[in-house]
N, C-alpha and C. Protein backbone atom coordinates (compact mmCIF):
# COMPACT_ATOMS: atom_id res chain seq x y z
N MET A 1 -28.09 10.34 -30.86
CA MET A 1 -28.63 11.42 -29.82
C MET A 1 -27.85 12.62 -30.01
N GLY A 2 -26.71 12.59 -29.49
CA GLY A 2 -25.88 13.84 -29.26
C GLY A 2 -25.03 14.00 -30.60
N LYS A 3 -24.10 14.99 -30.42
CA LYS A 3 -23.22 15.17 -31.48
C LYS A 3 -22.21 14.34 -31.70
N PHE A 4 -21.73 13.93 -30.48
CA PHE A 4 -20.50 13.24 -30.37
C PHE A 4 -20.76 11.98 -29.64
N GLN A 5 -19.61 10.90 -29.98
CA GLN A 5 -19.96 9.46 -29.39
C GLN A 5 -19.74 9.66 -28.10
N ILE A 6 -18.73 10.25 -27.57
CA ILE A 6 -18.42 10.52 -26.05
C ILE A 6 -19.74 10.74 -25.28
N ALA A 7 -20.39 11.67 -25.94
CA ALA A 7 -21.75 12.15 -25.31
C ALA A 7 -22.60 11.48 -25.09
N ASP A 8 -22.77 10.54 -26.25
CA ASP A 8 -23.72 9.45 -26.29
C ASP A 8 -23.60 8.51 -25.26
N ALA A 9 -22.24 8.12 -25.13
CA ALA A 9 -21.87 7.07 -24.04
C ALA A 9 -22.17 7.44 -22.49
N GLU A 10 -22.00 8.97 -22.54
CA GLU A 10 -22.25 9.48 -21.05
C GLU A 10 -23.83 9.55 -20.59
N LEU A 11 -24.61 9.87 -21.80
CA LEU A 11 -26.12 9.83 -21.75
C LEU A 11 -26.45 8.63 -21.48
N SER A 12 -26.01 7.47 -21.83
CA SER A 12 -26.45 6.15 -21.86
C SER A 12 -26.40 5.71 -20.45
N LYS A 13 -25.45 6.24 -19.53
CA LYS A 13 -25.18 6.06 -18.28
C LYS A 13 -26.31 6.34 -17.26
N ILE A 14 -27.27 6.92 -17.78
CA ILE A 14 -28.50 7.63 -17.11
C ILE A 14 -29.73 6.78 -16.89
N PHE A 15 -30.10 6.63 -15.64
CA PHE A 15 -31.30 5.89 -15.21
C PHE A 15 -32.35 6.93 -14.82
N ILE A 16 -33.64 6.87 -15.16
CA ILE A 16 -34.81 7.73 -14.89
C ILE A 16 -35.69 6.93 -13.91
N CYS A 17 -36.16 7.77 -12.83
CA CYS A 17 -36.96 7.11 -11.97
C CYS A 17 -38.50 7.04 -12.76
N LYS A 18 -39.23 6.13 -12.50
CA LYS A 18 -40.49 5.94 -13.16
C LYS A 18 -41.56 6.77 -12.43
N ARG A 19 -41.31 6.83 -11.09
CA ARG A 19 -42.37 7.82 -10.21
C ARG A 19 -42.21 9.35 -10.46
N CYS A 20 -41.07 9.74 -10.12
CA CYS A 20 -40.74 11.24 -10.02
C CYS A 20 -39.87 11.69 -11.28
N LYS A 21 -39.25 10.85 -12.13
CA LYS A 21 -38.48 11.55 -13.46
C LYS A 21 -37.42 12.00 -13.08
N SER A 22 -36.63 11.73 -11.95
CA SER A 22 -35.41 12.09 -11.69
C SER A 22 -34.35 11.29 -12.26
N ARG A 23 -33.11 12.03 -12.56
CA ARG A 23 -31.96 11.28 -13.15
C ARG A 23 -31.23 10.79 -12.07
N ASN A 24 -30.81 9.35 -12.47
CA ASN A 24 -29.88 8.78 -11.48
C ASN A 24 -28.70 8.01 -12.16
N LYS A 25 -27.69 7.57 -11.27
CA LYS A 25 -26.64 6.72 -11.92
C LYS A 25 -26.90 5.31 -11.91
N VAL A 26 -26.29 4.61 -13.04
CA VAL A 26 -26.62 3.36 -13.12
C VAL A 26 -26.30 2.43 -11.92
N SER A 27 -25.52 2.92 -11.09
CA SER A 27 -25.31 2.03 -10.00
C SER A 27 -26.18 1.98 -8.85
N ASN A 28 -27.23 3.13 -8.86
CA ASN A 28 -28.29 2.96 -8.14
C ASN A 28 -29.19 2.13 -8.01
N LYS A 29 -29.78 1.51 -6.90
CA LYS A 29 -30.93 0.41 -6.95
C LYS A 29 -32.40 1.15 -6.71
N LYS A 30 -32.26 2.21 -6.23
CA LYS A 30 -33.27 3.05 -5.91
C LYS A 30 -33.07 4.49 -6.30
N CYS A 31 -34.31 5.26 -6.43
CA CYS A 31 -34.09 6.76 -6.70
C CYS A 31 -33.63 7.47 -5.57
N ARG A 32 -32.74 8.30 -6.02
CA ARG A 32 -32.04 9.12 -5.15
C ARG A 32 -32.99 10.17 -4.25
N LYS A 33 -34.35 10.69 -5.11
CA LYS A 33 -34.82 11.62 -4.55
C LYS A 33 -36.01 11.00 -3.66
N CYS A 34 -36.93 10.06 -4.33
CA CYS A 34 -37.98 9.47 -3.55
C CYS A 34 -38.00 8.14 -3.04
N GLY A 35 -36.73 7.35 -3.49
CA GLY A 35 -36.64 5.83 -3.01
C GLY A 35 -37.42 4.86 -3.72
N TYR A 36 -37.95 5.24 -4.68
CA TYR A 36 -38.61 4.24 -5.60
C TYR A 36 -37.68 3.26 -6.35
N PRO A 37 -38.03 1.91 -6.17
CA PRO A 37 -37.09 0.94 -6.76
C PRO A 37 -36.96 0.56 -8.14
N TYR A 38 -37.99 1.10 -8.87
CA TYR A 38 -38.11 0.97 -10.27
C TYR A 38 -37.54 1.88 -11.18
N LEU A 39 -36.26 1.82 -11.92
CA LEU A 39 -35.81 2.79 -12.76
C LEU A 39 -35.72 2.26 -14.20
N ARG A 40 -35.73 3.22 -15.02
CA ARG A 40 -35.59 2.83 -16.47
C ARG A 40 -34.25 3.39 -17.13
N PRO A 41 -33.86 2.82 -18.32
CA PRO A 41 -32.76 3.56 -18.91
C PRO A 41 -33.21 4.64 -19.52
N LYS A 42 -32.39 5.61 -19.71
CA LYS A 42 -32.77 6.95 -20.43
C LYS A 42 -32.98 6.47 -21.95
N LYS A 43 -34.07 7.05 -22.44
CA LYS A 43 -34.17 6.82 -23.71
C LYS A 43 -33.42 7.49 -24.99
N LYS A 44 -33.17 6.74 -25.94
CA LYS A 44 -32.03 7.18 -26.95
C LYS A 44 -33.10 7.53 -28.06
N SER A 45 -32.96 8.87 -28.45
CA SER A 45 -33.77 9.51 -29.49
C SER A 45 -33.39 9.13 -30.71
N VAL A 46 -34.26 8.96 -31.65
CA VAL A 46 -33.82 8.59 -33.12
C VAL A 46 -34.16 9.80 -33.93
N ARG A 47 -33.38 10.52 -34.50
CA ARG A 47 -33.67 11.49 -35.27
C ARG A 47 -33.79 11.13 -36.87
N THR A 48 -34.85 11.59 -37.50
CA THR A 48 -34.99 11.28 -38.98
C THR A 48 -34.90 12.60 -39.81
N LYS A 49 -34.16 12.49 -40.79
CA LYS A 49 -34.08 13.67 -41.82
C LYS A 49 -35.29 13.97 -42.55
N LYS A 50 -35.82 15.12 -42.77
CA LYS A 50 -36.89 15.42 -43.79
C LYS A 50 -36.34 15.84 -45.01
N ALA A 51 -37.09 15.07 -45.86
CA ALA A 51 -36.70 15.43 -47.40
C ALA A 51 -37.25 16.78 -47.81
């Protein structure tokens, strides 16, 4: 994902609301903006090299 391992570790601590797409902490049980209880972990992008 990022350029540094520390940055990757911080990005993996983010959860995304499935309704309003806001960023939330891992410890949250509901979205901080809309109160929706279903959160997903932030996707880890995979970069591929083009030849």
